[in-house]
């Protein structure tokens, strides 16, 4: 699994509690073991999770193991990043990106 260090994995079972019910804005990476760009994003997400811990929750969801959530949000490409705020998806981005660009795209929720 291309899990980023310091980034929690969420599942169909706990998505509601961990993401929808979160106090902070949540960045969800929809990821897969077979996805090279997802592996590239692991260090970026780890750094982001560490640096923005007080303002942003960062989690990963494996699309192969969690089809209910993946289909509910119509995720078709990996990686897809979705930002949830107040239980609602407010932003969606597809594809690997450098940390600077990801931070810029997150600026409105941070």
PDB file of N, CA and C in Angstrom:
ATOM      1  N   UNK A   1       0.848  -1.199   0.000  1.00  0.00           N
ATOM      2  CA  UNK A   1       0.000   0.000   0.000  1.00  0.00           C
ATOM      3  C   UNK A   1       0.881   1.245   0.000  1.00  0.00           C
ATOM      4  N   UNK A   2       0.524   2.212  -0.793  1.00  0.00           N
ATOM      5  CA  UNK A   2       1.317   3.447  -0.896  1.00  0.00           C
ATOM      6  C   UNK A   2       0.880   4.447   0.173  1.00  0.00           C
ATOM      7  N   UNK A   3       0.893   3.978   1.418  1.00  0.00           N
ATOM      8  CA  UNK A   3       0.440   4.837   2.511  1.00  0.00           C
ATOM      9  C   UNK A   3       1.512   5.859   2.863  1.00  0.00           C
ATOM     10  N   UNK A   4       1.058   7.066   3.089  1.00  0.00           N
ATOM     11  CA  UNK A   4       1.959   8.130   3.510  1.00  0.00           C
ATOM     12  C   UNK A   4       2.141   8.051   5.024  1.00  0.00           C
ATOM     13  N   UNK A   5       3.355   8.254   5.480  1.00  0.00           N
ATOM     14  CA  UNK A   5       3.660   8.243   6.909  1.00  0.00           C
ATOM     15  C   UNK A   5       2.904   9.359   7.616  1.00  0.00           C
ATOM     16  N   UNK A   6       2.253   9.015   8.729  1.00  0.00           N
ATOM     17  CA  UNK A   6       1.546  10.034   9.498  1.00  0.00           C
ATOM     18  C   UNK A   6       0.189  10.401   8.928  1.00  0.00           C
ATOM     19  N   UNK A   7      -0.259   9.641   7.922  1.00  0.00           N
ATOM     20  CA  UNK A   7      -1.557   9.901   7.301  1.00  0.00           C
ATOM     21  C   UNK A   7      -2.453   8.701   7.574  1.00  0.00           C
ATOM     22  N   UNK A   8      -3.606   8.957   8.187  1.00  0.00           N
ATOM     23  CA  UNK A   8      -4.513   7.867   8.558  1.00  0.00           C
ATOM     24  C   UNK A   8      -5.194   7.299   7.327  1.00  0.00           C
ATOM     25  N   UNK A   9      -5.483   6.006   7.369  1.00  0.00           N
ATOM     26  CA  UNK A   9      -6.272   5.386   6.314  1.00  0.00           C
ATOM     27  C   UNK A   9      -7.719   5.325   6.775  1.00  0.00           C
ATOM     28  N   UNK A  10      -8.635   5.749   5.929  1.00  0.00           N
ATOM     29  CA  UNK A  10     -10.057   5.652   6.244  1.00  0.00           C
ATOM     30  C   UNK A  10     -10.684   4.587   5.348  1.00  0.00           C
ATOM     31  N   UNK A  11     -11.833   4.078   5.787  1.00  0.00           N
ATOM     32  CA  UNK A  11     -12.519   2.999   5.069  1.00  0.00           C
ATOM     33  C   UNK A  11     -13.992   3.362   4.879  1.00  0.00           C
ATOM     34  N   UNK A  12     -14.688   2.547   4.114  1.00  0.00           N
ATOM     35  CA  UNK A  12     -16.139   2.729   3.971  1.00  0.00           C
ATOM     36  C   UNK A  12     -16.799   2.794   5.354  1.00  0.00           C
ATOM     37  N   UNK A  13     -16.303   1.963   6.286  1.00  0.00           N
ATOM     38  CA  UNK A  13     -16.921   1.851   7.610  1.00  0.00           C
ATOM     39  C   UNK A  13     -16.751   3.102   8.463  1.00  0.00           C
ATOM     40  N   UNK A  14     -15.564   3.738   8.400  1.00  0.00           N
ATOM     41  CA  UNK A  14     -15.341   4.881   9.302  1.00  0.00           C
ATOM     42  C   UNK A  14     -15.286   6.231   8.584  1.00  0.00           C
ATOM     43  N   UNK A  15     -15.591   6.258   7.283  1.00  0.00           N
ATOM     44  CA  UNK A  15     -15.536   7.508   6.518  1.00  0.00           C
ATOM     45  C   UNK A  15     -16.440   8.581   7.132  1.00  0.00           C
ATOM     46  N   UNK A  16     -17.639   8.179   7.487  1.00  0.00           N
ATOM     47  CA  UNK A  16     -18.614   9.106   8.087  1.00  0.00           C
ATOM     48  C   UNK A  16     -18.038   9.770   9.339  1.00  0.00           C
ATOM     49  N   UNK A  17     -17.493   8.959  10.232  1.00  0.00           N
ATOM     50  CA  UNK A  17     -16.961   9.474  11.501  1.00  0.00           C
ATOM     51  C   UNK A  17     -15.684  10.288  11.297  1.00  0.00           C
ATOM     52  N   UNK A  18     -14.767   9.778  10.460  1.00  0.00           N
ATOM     53  CA  UNK A  18     -13.442  10.384  10.320  1.00  0.00           C
ATOM     54  C   UNK A  18     -13.431  11.610   9.402  1.00  0.00           C
ATOM     55  N   UNK A  19     -14.288  11.618   8.379  1.00  0.00           N
ATOM     56  CA  UNK A  19     -14.250  12.693   7.386  1.00  0.00           C
ATOM     57  C   UNK A  19     -15.471  13.600   7.500  1.00  0.00           C
ATOM     58  N   UNK A  20     -16.656  13.025   7.377  1.00  0.00           N
ATOM     59  CA  UNK A  20     -17.889  13.819   7.399  1.00  0.00           C
ATOM     60  C   UNK A  20     -18.047  14.517   8.754  1.00  0.00           C
ATOM     61  N   UNK A  21     -17.701  13.813   9.832  1.00  0.00           N
ATOM     62  CA  UNK A  21     -17.873  14.364  11.175  1.00  0.00           C
ATOM     63  C   UNK A  21     -16.684  15.116  11.727  1.00  0.00           C
ATOM     64  N   UNK A  22     -15.653  15.332  10.912  1.00  0.00           N
ATOM     65  CA  UNK A  22     -14.416  15.966  11.406  1.00  0.00           C
ATOM     66  C   UNK A  22     -14.629  17.455  11.691  1.00  0.00           C
ATOM     67  N   UNK A  23     -13.937  17.932  12.721  1.00  0.00           N
ATOM     68  CA  UNK A  23     -13.974  19.366  13.072  1.00  0.00           C
ATOM     69  C   UNK A  23     -13.219  20.197  12.036  1.00  0.00           C
ATOM     70  N   UNK A  24     -12.036  19.714  11.678  1.00  0.00           N
ATOM     71  CA  UNK A  24     -11.172  20.427  10.733  1.00  0.00           C
ATOM     72  C   UNK A  24     -11.571  20.096   9.300  1.00  0.00           C
ATOM     73  N   UNK A  25     -11.162  20.937   8.338  1.00  0.00           N
ATOM     74  CA  UNK A  25     -11.279  20.514   6.935  1.00  0.00           C
ATOM     75  C   UNK A  25     -10.456  19.240   6.740  1.00  0.00           C
ATOM     76  N   UNK A  26     -10.897  18.362   5.849  1.00  0.00           N
ATOM     77  CA  UNK A  26     -10.219  17.084   5.621  1.00  0.00           C
ATOM     78  C   UNK A  26      -9.824  16.977   4.148  1.00  0.00           C
ATOM     79  N   UNK A  27      -8.555  16.641   3.914  1.00  0.00           N
ATOM     80  CA  UNK A  27      -8.095  16.317   2.566  1.00  0.00           C
ATOM     81  C   UNK A  27      -8.065  14.801   2.454  1.00  0.00           C
ATOM     82  N   UNK A  28      -8.878  14.265   1.542  1.00  0.00           N
ATOM     83  CA  UNK A  28      -8.916  12.815   1.321  1.00  0.00           C
ATOM     84  C   UNK A  28      -8.205  12.513   0.018  1.00  0.00           C
ATOM     85  N   UNK A  29      -7.210  11.621   0.077  1.00  0.00           N
ATOM     86  CA  UNK A  29      -6.615  11.127  -1.162  1.00  0.00           C
ATOM     87  C   UNK A  29      -7.240   9.771  -1.458  1.00  0.00           C
ATOM     88  N   UNK A  30      -7.933   9.684  -2.586  1.00  0.00           N
ATOM     89  CA  UNK A  30      -8.424   8.398  -3.075  1.00  0.00           C
ATOM     90  C   UNK A  30      -7.255   7.777  -3.827  1.00  0.00           C
ATOM     91  N   UNK A  31      -6.762   6.640  -3.330  1.00  0.00           N
ATOM     92  CA  UNK A  31      -5.505   6.077  -3.796  1.00  0.00           C
ATOM     93  C   UNK A  31      -5.653   4.585  -4.085  1.00  0.00           C
ATOM     94  N   UNK A  32      -4.624   4.010  -4.707  1.00  0.00           N
ATOM     95  CA  UNK A  32      -4.619   2.577  -5.010  1.00  0.00           C
ATOM     96  C   UNK A  32      -3.184   2.067  -5.023  1.00  0.00           C
ATOM     97  N   UNK A  33      -3.025   0.792  -4.660  1.00  0.00           N
ATOM     98  CA  UNK A  33      -1.693   0.176  -4.623  1.00  0.00           C
ATOM     99  C   UNK A  33      -1.003   0.205  -5.978  1.00  0.00           C
ATOM    100  N   UNK A  34      -1.778   0.074  -7.042  1.00  0.00           N
ATOM    101  CA  UNK A  34      -1.240  -0.070  -8.395  1.00  0.00           C
ATOM    102  C   UNK A  34      -1.001   1.272  -9.088  1.00  0.00           C
ATOM    103  N   UNK A  35      -1.099   2.375  -8.346  1.00  0.00           N
ATOM    104  CA  UNK A  35      -1.073   3.711  -8.945  1.00  0.00           C
ATOM    105  C   UNK A  35       0.264   4.414  -8.678  1.00  0.00           C
ATOM    106  N   UNK A  36       1.177   4.468  -9.689  1.00  0.00           N
ATOM    107  CA  UNK A  36       2.468   5.141  -9.469  1.00  0.00           C
ATOM    108  C   UNK A  36       2.357   6.608  -9.029  1.00  0.00           C
ATOM    109  N   UNK A  37       1.461   7.439  -9.626  1.00  0.00           N
ATOM    110  CA  UNK A  37       1.365   8.825  -9.144  1.00  0.00           C
ATOM    111  C   UNK A  37       0.924   8.908  -7.681  1.00  0.00           C
ATOM    112  N   UNK A  38       0.153   7.924  -7.229  1.00  0.00           N
ATOM    113  CA  UNK A  38      -0.252   7.894  -5.811  1.00  0.00           C
ATOM    114  C   UNK A  38       0.975   7.700  -4.929  1.00  0.00           C
ATOM    115  N   UNK A  39       1.879   6.813  -5.347  1.00  0.00           N
ATOM    116  CA  UNK A  39       3.107   6.590  -4.572  1.00  0.00           C
ATOM    117  C   UNK A  39       3.955   7.860  -4.538  1.00  0.00           C
ATOM    118  N   UNK A  40       3.984   8.614  -5.643  1.00  0.00           N
ATOM    119  CA  UNK A  40       4.734   9.876  -5.686  1.00  0.00           C
ATOM    120  C   UNK A  40       4.187  10.863  -4.662  1.00  0.00           C
ATOM    121  N   UNK A  41       2.890  10.798  -4.402  1.00  0.00           N
ATOM    122  CA  UNK A  41       2.250  11.765  -3.510  1.00  0.00           C
ATOM    123  C   UNK A  41       2.478  11.459  -2.032  1.00  0.00           C
ATOM    124  N   UNK A  42       2.910  10.243  -1.697  1.00  0.00           N
ATOM    125  CA  UNK A  42       3.058   9.851  -0.290  1.00  0.00           C
ATOM    126  C   UNK A  42       3.924  10.827   0.513  1.00  0.00           C
ATOM    127  N   UNK A  43       5.142  11.184   0.048  1.00  0.00           N
ATOM    128  CA  UNK A  43       5.945  12.129   0.848  1.00  0.00           C
ATOM    129  C   UNK A  43       5.314  13.522   0.936  1.00  0.00           C
ATOM    130  N   UNK A  44       4.615  13.936  -0.111  1.00  0.00           N
ATOM    131  CA  UNK A  44       3.946  15.242  -0.109  1.00  0.00           C
ATOM    132  C   UNK A  44       2.844  15.252   0.951  1.00  0.00           C
ATOM    133  N   UNK A  45       2.046  14.181   0.976  1.00  0.00           N
ATOM    134  CA  UNK A  45       0.961  14.104   1.958  1.00  0.00           C
ATOM    135  C   UNK A  45       1.502  14.002   3.381  1.00  0.00           C
ATOM    136  N   UNK A  46       2.580  13.242   3.560  1.00  0.00           N
ATOM    137  CA  UNK A  46       3.197  13.130   4.890  1.00  0.00           C
ATOM    138  C   UNK A  46       3.640  14.492   5.397  1.00  0.00           C
ATOM    139  N   UNK A  47       4.299  15.262   4.529  1.00  0.00           N
ATOM    140  CA  UNK A  47       4.777  16.590   4.907  1.00  0.00           C
ATOM    141  C   UNK A  47       3.593  17.509   5.214  1.00  0.00           C
ATOM    142  N   UNK A  48       2.584  17.454   4.365  1.00  0.00           N
ATOM    143  CA  UNK A  48       1.399  18.294   4.543  1.00  0.00           C
ATOM    144  C   UNK A  48       0.697  17.959   5.865  1.00  0.00           C
ATOM    145  N   UNK A  49       0.544  16.673   6.146  1.00  0.00           N
ATOM    146  CA  UNK A  49      -0.112  16.232   7.382  1.00  0.00           C
ATOM    147  C   UNK A  49       0.639  16.741   8.606  1.00  0.00           C
ATOM    148  N   UNK A  50       1.977  16.692   8.549  1.00  0.00           N
ATOM    149  CA  UNK A  50       2.795  17.143   9.683  1.00  0.00           C
ATOM    150  C   UNK A  50       2.738  18.660   9.839  1.00  0.00           C
ATOM    151  N   UNK A  51       2.874  19.382   8.724  1.00  0.00           N
ATOM    152  CA  UNK A  51       2.966  20.841   8.782  1.00  0.00           C
ATOM    153  C   UNK A  51       1.628  21.522   9.070  1.00  0.00           C
ATOM    154  N   UNK A  52       0.533  20.924   8.613  1.00  0.00           N
ATOM    155  CA  UNK A  52      -0.776  21.573   8.738  1.00  0.00           C
ATOM    156  C   UNK A  52      -1.692  20.864   9.746  1.00  0.00           C
ATOM    157  N   UNK A  53      -1.103  20.075  10.640  1.00  0.00           N
ATOM    158  CA  UNK A  53      -1.898  19.230  11.545  1.00  0.00           C
ATOM    159  C   UNK A  53      -2.943  20.001  12.343  1.00  0.00           C
ATOM    160  N   UNK A  54      -2.638  21.258  12.680  1.00  0.00           N
ATOM    161  CA  UNK A  54      -3.579  22.041  13.483  1.00  0.00           C
ATOM    162  C   UNK A  54      -4.697  22.656  12.641  1.00  0.00           C
ATOM    163  N   UNK A  55      -4.534  22.660  11.303  1.00  0.00           N
ATOM    164  CA  UNK A  55      -5.533  23.297  10.437  1.00  0.00           C
ATOM    165  C   UNK A  55      -6.210  22.351   9.458  1.00  0.00           C
ATOM    166  N   UNK A  56      -5.612  21.163   9.244  1.00  0.00           N
ATOM    167  CA  UNK A  56      -6.100  20.261   8.205  1.00  0.00           C
ATOM    168  C   UNK A  56      -5.864  18.813   8.606  1.00  0.00           C
ATOM    169  N   UNK A  57      -6.870  17.988   8.386  1.00  0.00           N
ATOM    170  CA  UNK A  57      -6.728  16.554   8.597  1.00  0.00           C
ATOM    171  C   UNK A  57      -6.476  15.926   7.229  1.00  0.00           C
ATOM    172  N   UNK A  58      -5.462  15.076   7.128  1.00  0.00           N
ATOM    173  CA  UNK A  58      -5.129  14.423   5.859  1.00  0.00           C
ATOM    174  C   UNK A  58      -5.326  12.918   6.017  1.00  0.00           C
ATOM    175  N   UNK A  59      -6.118  12.327   5.124  1.00  0.00           N
ATOM    176  CA  UNK A  59      -6.379  10.883   5.181  1.00  0.00           C
ATOM    177  C   UNK A  59      -6.283  10.288   3.781  1.00  0.00           C
ATOM    178  N   UNK A  60      -6.141   8.962   3.733  1.00  0.00           N
ATOM    179  CA  UNK A  60      -6.119   8.239   2.470  1.00  0.00           C
ATOM    180  C   UNK A  60      -7.202   7.169   2.485  1.00  0.00           C
ATOM    181  N   UNK A  61      -7.785   6.936   1.314  1.00  0.00           N
ATOM    182  CA  UNK A  61      -8.789   5.890   1.167  1.00  0.00           C
ATOM    183  C   UNK A  61      -8.390   5.029  -0.020  1.00  0.00           C
ATOM    184  N   UNK A  62      -8.229   3.722   0.222  1.00  0.00           N
ATOM    185  CA  UNK A  62      -7.870   2.789  -0.839  1.00  0.00           C
ATOM    186  C   UNK A  62      -9.134   2.449  -1.629  1.00  0.00           C
ATOM    187  N   UNK A  63      -9.149   2.831  -2.917  1.00  0.00           N
ATOM    188  CA  UNK A  63     -10.360   2.677  -3.736  1.00  0.00           C
ATOM    189  C   UNK A  63     -10.725   1.211  -3.966  1.00  0.00           C
ATOM    190  N   UNK A  64      -9.717   0.341  -4.023  1.00  0.00           N
ATOM    191  CA  UNK A  64      -9.990  -1.072  -4.276  1.00  0.00           C
ATOM    192  C   UNK A  64     -10.687  -1.740  -3.088  1.00  0.00           C
ATOM    193  N   UNK A  65     -10.356  -1.286  -1.880  1.00  0.00           N
ATOM    194  CA  UNK A  65     -10.927  -1.894  -0.668  1.00  0.00           C
ATOM    195  C   UNK A  65     -12.203  -1.199  -0.206  1.00  0.00           C
ATOM    196  N   UNK A  66     -12.505  -0.031  -0.764  1.00  0.00           N
ATOM    197  CA  UNK A  66     -13.625   0.781  -0.269  1.00  0.00           C
ATOM    198  C   UNK A  66     -14.494   1.294  -1.420  1.00  0.00           C
ATOM    199  N   UNK A  67     -15.184   0.363  -2.098  1.00  0.00           N
ATOM    200  CA  UNK A  67     -15.960   0.750  -3.289  1.00  0.00           C
ATOM    201  C   UNK A  67     -17.166   1.640  -2.983  1.00  0.00           C
ATOM    202  N   UNK A  68     -17.731   1.533  -1.800  1.00  0.00           N
ATOM    203  CA  UNK A  68     -18.938   2.315  -1.490  1.00  0.00           C
ATOM    204  C   UNK A  68     -18.640   3.810  -1.494  1.00  0.00           C
ATOM    205  N   UNK A  69     -17.596   4.207  -0.771  1.00  0.00           N
ATOM    206  CA  UNK A  69     -17.224   5.615  -0.707  1.00  0.00           C
ATOM    207  C   UNK A  69     -16.714   6.097  -2.066  1.00  0.00           C
ATOM    208  N   UNK A  70     -15.902   5.271  -2.709  1.00  0.00           N
ATOM    209  CA  UNK A  70     -15.352   5.628  -4.029  1.00  0.00           C
ATOM    210  C   UNK A  70     -16.480   5.915  -5.020  1.00  0.00           C
ATOM    211  N   UNK A  71     -17.479   5.044  -5.062  1.00  0.00           N
ATOM    212  CA  UNK A  71     -18.600   5.230  -5.991  1.00  0.00           C
ATOM    213  C   UNK A  71     -19.508   6.373  -5.574  1.00  0.00           C
ATOM    214  N   UNK A  72     -19.676   6.551  -4.276  1.00  0.00           N
ATOM    215  CA  UNK A  72     -20.555   7.623  -3.777  1.00  0.00           C
ATOM    216  C   UNK A  72     -20.063   8.985  -4.247  1.00  0.00           C
ATOM    217  N   UNK A  73     -18.747   9.160  -4.330  1.00  0.00           N
ATOM    218  CA  UNK A  73     -18.179  10.440  -4.752  1.00  0.00           C
ATOM    219  C   UNK A  73     -17.716  10.410  -6.210  1.00  0.00           C
ATOM    220  N   UNK A  74     -18.114   9.365  -6.931  1.00  0.00           N
ATOM    221  CA  UNK A  74     -17.826   9.234  -8.375  1.00  0.00           C
ATOM    222  C   UNK A  74     -16.344   9.426  -8.696  1.00  0.00           C
ATOM    223  N   UNK A  75     -15.506   8.778  -7.923  1.00  0.00           N
ATOM    224  CA  UNK A  75     -14.066   8.865  -8.156  1.00  0.00           C
ATOM    225  C   UNK A  75     -13.678   7.851  -9.224  1.00  0.00           C
ATOM    226  N   UNK A  76     -13.087   8.345 -10.306  1.00  0.00           N
ATOM    227  CA  UNK A  76     -12.729   7.487 -11.433  1.00  0.00           C
ATOM    228  C   UNK A  76     -11.230   7.420 -11.685  1.00  0.00           C
ATOM    229  N   UNK A  77     -10.494   8.444 -11.296  1.00  0.00           N
ATOM    230  CA  UNK A  77      -9.051   8.504 -11.565  1.00  0.00           C
ATOM    231  C   UNK A  77      -8.276   8.574 -10.259  1.00  0.00           C
ATOM    232  N   UNK A  78      -7.080   7.990 -10.254  1.00  0.00           N
ATOM    233  CA  UNK A  78      -6.210   8.034  -9.089  1.00  0.00           C
ATOM    234  C   UNK A  78      -4.952   8.822  -9.429  1.00  0.00           C
ATOM    235  N   UNK A  79      -4.422   9.599  -8.490  1.00  0.00           N
ATOM    236  CA  UNK A  79      -5.119   9.935  -7.247  1.00  0.00           C
ATOM    237  C   UNK A  79      -6.148  11.045  -7.477  1.00  0.00           C
ATOM    238  N   UNK A  80      -7.241  10.957  -6.736  1.00  0.00           N
ATOM    239  CA  UNK A  80      -8.185  12.073  -6.661  1.00  0.00           C
ATOM    240  C   UNK A  80      -8.093  12.623  -5.248  1.00  0.00           C
ATOM    241  N   UNK A  81      -7.984  13.939  -5.146  1.00  0.00           N
ATOM    242  CA  UNK A  81      -7.965  14.603  -3.840  1.00  0.00           C
ATOM    243  C   UNK A  81      -9.286  15.319  -3.670  1.00  0.00           C
ATOM    244  N   UNK A  82      -9.936  15.090  -2.539  1.00  0.00           N
ATOM    245  CA  UNK A  82     -11.190  15.769  -2.269  1.00  0.00           C
ATOM    246  C   UNK A  82     -11.081  16.455  -0.916  1.00  0.00           C
ATOM    247  N   UNK A  83     -11.516  17.694  -0.867  1.00  0.00           N
ATOM    248  CA  UNK A  83     -11.490  18.450   0.383  1.00  0.00           C
ATOM    249  C   UNK A  83     -12.911  18.497   0.925  1.00  0.00           C
ATOM    250  N   UNK A  84     -13.065  18.074   2.172  1.00  0.00           N
ATOM    251  CA  UNK A  84     -14.358  18.109   2.850  1.00  0.00           C
ATOM    252  C   UNK A  84     -14.315  19.163   3.930  1.00  0.00           C
ATOM    253  N   UNK A  85     -15.353  19.973   3.989  1.00  0.00           N
ATOM    254  CA  UNK A  85     -15.457  20.990   5.026  1.00  0.00           C
ATOM    255  C   UNK A  85     -16.901  20.972   5.509  1.00  0.00           C
ATOM    256  N   UNK A  86     -17.085  20.850   6.833  1.00  0.00           N
ATOM    257  CA  UNK A  86     -18.434  20.784   7.382  1.00  0.00           C
ATOM    258  C   UNK A  86     -19.221  19.610   6.826  1.00  0.00           C
ATOM    259  N   UNK A  87     -18.522  18.509   6.528  1.00  0.00           N
ATOM    260  CA  UNK A  87     -19.183  17.301   6.054  1.00  0.00           C
ATOM    261  C   UNK A  87     -19.493  17.279   4.564  1.00  0.00           C
ATOM    262  N   UNK A  88     -19.153  18.353   3.855  1.00  0.00           N
ATOM    263  CA  UNK A  88     -19.456  18.433   2.421  1.00  0.00           C
ATOM    264  C   UNK A  88     -18.178  18.490   1.597  1.00  0.00           C
ATOM    265  N   UNK A  89     -18.162  17.837   0.417  1.00  0.00           N
ATOM    266  CA  UNK A  89     -17.000  17.998  -0.466  1.00  0.00           C
ATOM    267  C   UNK A  89     -17.032  19.386  -1.090  1.00  0.00           C
ATOM    268  N   UNK A  90     -15.969  20.167  -0.884  1.00  0.00           N
ATOM    269  CA  UNK A  90     -15.928  21.549  -1.383  1.00  0.00           C
ATOM    270  C   UNK A  90     -14.938  21.733  -2.531  1.00  0.00           C
ATOM    271  N   UNK A  91     -14.090  20.738  -2.747  1.00  0.00           N
ATOM    272  CA  UNK A  91     -13.085  20.866  -3.800  1.00  0.00           C
ATOM    273  C   UNK A  91     -12.625  19.479  -4.220  1.00  0.00           C
ATOM    274  N   UNK A  92     -12.375  19.303  -5.502  1.00  0.00           N
ATOM    275  CA  UNK A  92     -11.876  18.037  -6.014  1.00  0.00           C
ATOM    276  C   UNK A  92     -10.769  18.295  -7.019  1.00  0.00           C
ATOM    277  N   UNK A  93      -9.682  17.533  -6.906  1.00  0.00           N
ATOM    278  CA  UNK A  93      -8.527  17.702  -7.789  1.00  0.00           C
ATOM    279  C   UNK A  93      -8.057  16.317  -8.199  1.00  0.00           C
ATOM    280  N   UNK A  94      -7.704  16.159  -9.465  1.00  0.00           N
ATOM    281  CA  UNK A  94      -7.270  14.855  -9.960  1.00  0.00           C
ATOM    282  C   UNK A  94      -5.823  14.928 -10.405  1.00  0.00           C
ATOM    283  N   UNK A  95      -5.042  13.937  -9.991  1.00  0.00           N
ATOM    284  CA  UNK A  95      -3.657  13.831 -10.446  1.00  0.00           C
ATOM    285  C   UNK A  95      -2.643  14.280  -9.415  1.00  0.00           C
ATOM    286  N   UNK A  96      -1.435  13.728  -9.549  1.00  0.00           N
ATOM    287  CA  UNK A  96      -0.336  14.099  -8.650  1.00  0.00           C
ATOM    288  C   UNK A  96       0.042  15.552  -8.904  1.00  0.00           C
ATOM    289  N   UNK A  97       0.493  16.213  -7.864  1.00  0.00           N
ATOM    290  CA  UNK A  97       0.905  17.613  -7.990  1.00  0.00           C
ATOM    291  C   UNK A  97       1.962  17.912  -6.938  1.00  0.00           C
ATOM    292  N   UNK A  98       2.821  18.914  -7.215  1.00  0.00           N
ATOM    293  CA  UNK A  98       3.822  19.292  -6.213  1.00  0.00           C
ATOM    294  C   UNK A  98       3.160  19.902  -4.984  1.00  0.00           C
ATOM    295  N   UNK A  99       3.862  19.838  -3.866  1.00  0.00           N
ATOM    296  CA  UNK A  99       3.309  20.326  -2.601  1.00  0.00           C
ATOM    297  C   UNK A  99       2.898  21.794  -2.682  1.00  0.00           C
ATOM    298  N   UNK A 100       3.717  22.616  -3.342  1.00  0.00           N
ATOM    299  CA  UNK A 100       3.417  24.047  -3.439  1.00  0.00           C
ATOM    300  C   UNK A 100       2.059  24.267  -4.118  1.00  0.00           C
ATOM    301  N   UNK A 101       1.806  23.529  -5.204  1.00  0.00           N
ATOM    302  CA  UNK A 101       0.535  23.676  -5.921  1.00  0.00           C
ATOM    303  C   UNK A 101      -0.632  23.164  -5.067  1.00  0.00           C
ATOM    304  N   UNK A 102      -0.400  22.039  -4.382  1.00  0.00           N
ATOM    305  CA  UNK A 102      -1.458  21.489  -3.521  1.00  0.00           C
ATOM    306  C   UNK A 102      -1.817  22.476  -2.418  1.00  0.00           C
ATOM    307  N   UNK A 103      -0.806  23.087  -1.796  1.00  0.00           N
ATOM    308  CA  UNK A 103      -1.044  24.088  -0.760  1.00  0.00           C
ATOM    309  C   UNK A 103      -1.821  25.277  -1.305  1.00  0.00           C
ATOM    310  N   UNK A 104      -1.479  25.720  -2.519  1.00  0.00           N
ATOM    311  CA  UNK A 104      -2.186  26.845  -3.134  1.00  0.00           C
ATOM    312  C   UNK A 104      -3.643  26.477  -3.352  1.00  0.00           C
ATOM    313  N   UNK A 105      -3.890  25.240  -3.787  1.00  0.00           N
ATOM    314  CA  UNK A 105      -5.257  24.800  -4.042  1.00  0.00           C
ATOM    315  C   UNK A 105      -6.060  24.625  -2.742  1.00  0.00           C
ATOM    316  N   UNK A 106      -5.346  24.435  -1.653  1.00  0.00           N
ATOM    317  CA  UNK A 106      -6.006  24.261  -0.352  1.00  0.00           C
ATOM    318  C   UNK A 106      -6.157  25.576   0.404  1.00  0.00           C
ATOM    319  N   UNK A 107      -5.590  26.652  -0.143  1.00  0.00           N
ATOM    320  CA  UNK A 107      -5.508  27.905   0.611  1.00  0.00           C
ATOM    321  C   UNK A 107      -6.863  28.412   1.087  1.00  0.00           C
ATOM    322  N   UNK A 108      -7.929  28.184   0.296  1.00  0.00           N
ATOM    323  CA  UNK A 108      -9.230  28.711   0.713  1.00  0.00           C
ATOM    324  C   UNK A 108      -9.837  27.986   1.913  1.00  0.00           C
ATOM    325  N   UNK A 109      -9.377  26.767   2.203  1.00  0.00           N
ATOM    326  CA  UNK A 109      -9.915  26.063   3.376  1.00  0.00           C
ATOM    327  C   UNK A 109      -8.970  26.108   4.571  1.00  0.00           C
ATOM    328  N   UNK A 110      -7.722  26.522   4.342  1.00  0.00           N
ATOM    329  CA  UNK A 110      -6.769  26.561   5.454  1.00  0.00           C
ATOM    330  C   UNK A 110      -6.823  27.901   6.186  1.00  0.00           C
TER     331      UNK A 110
END
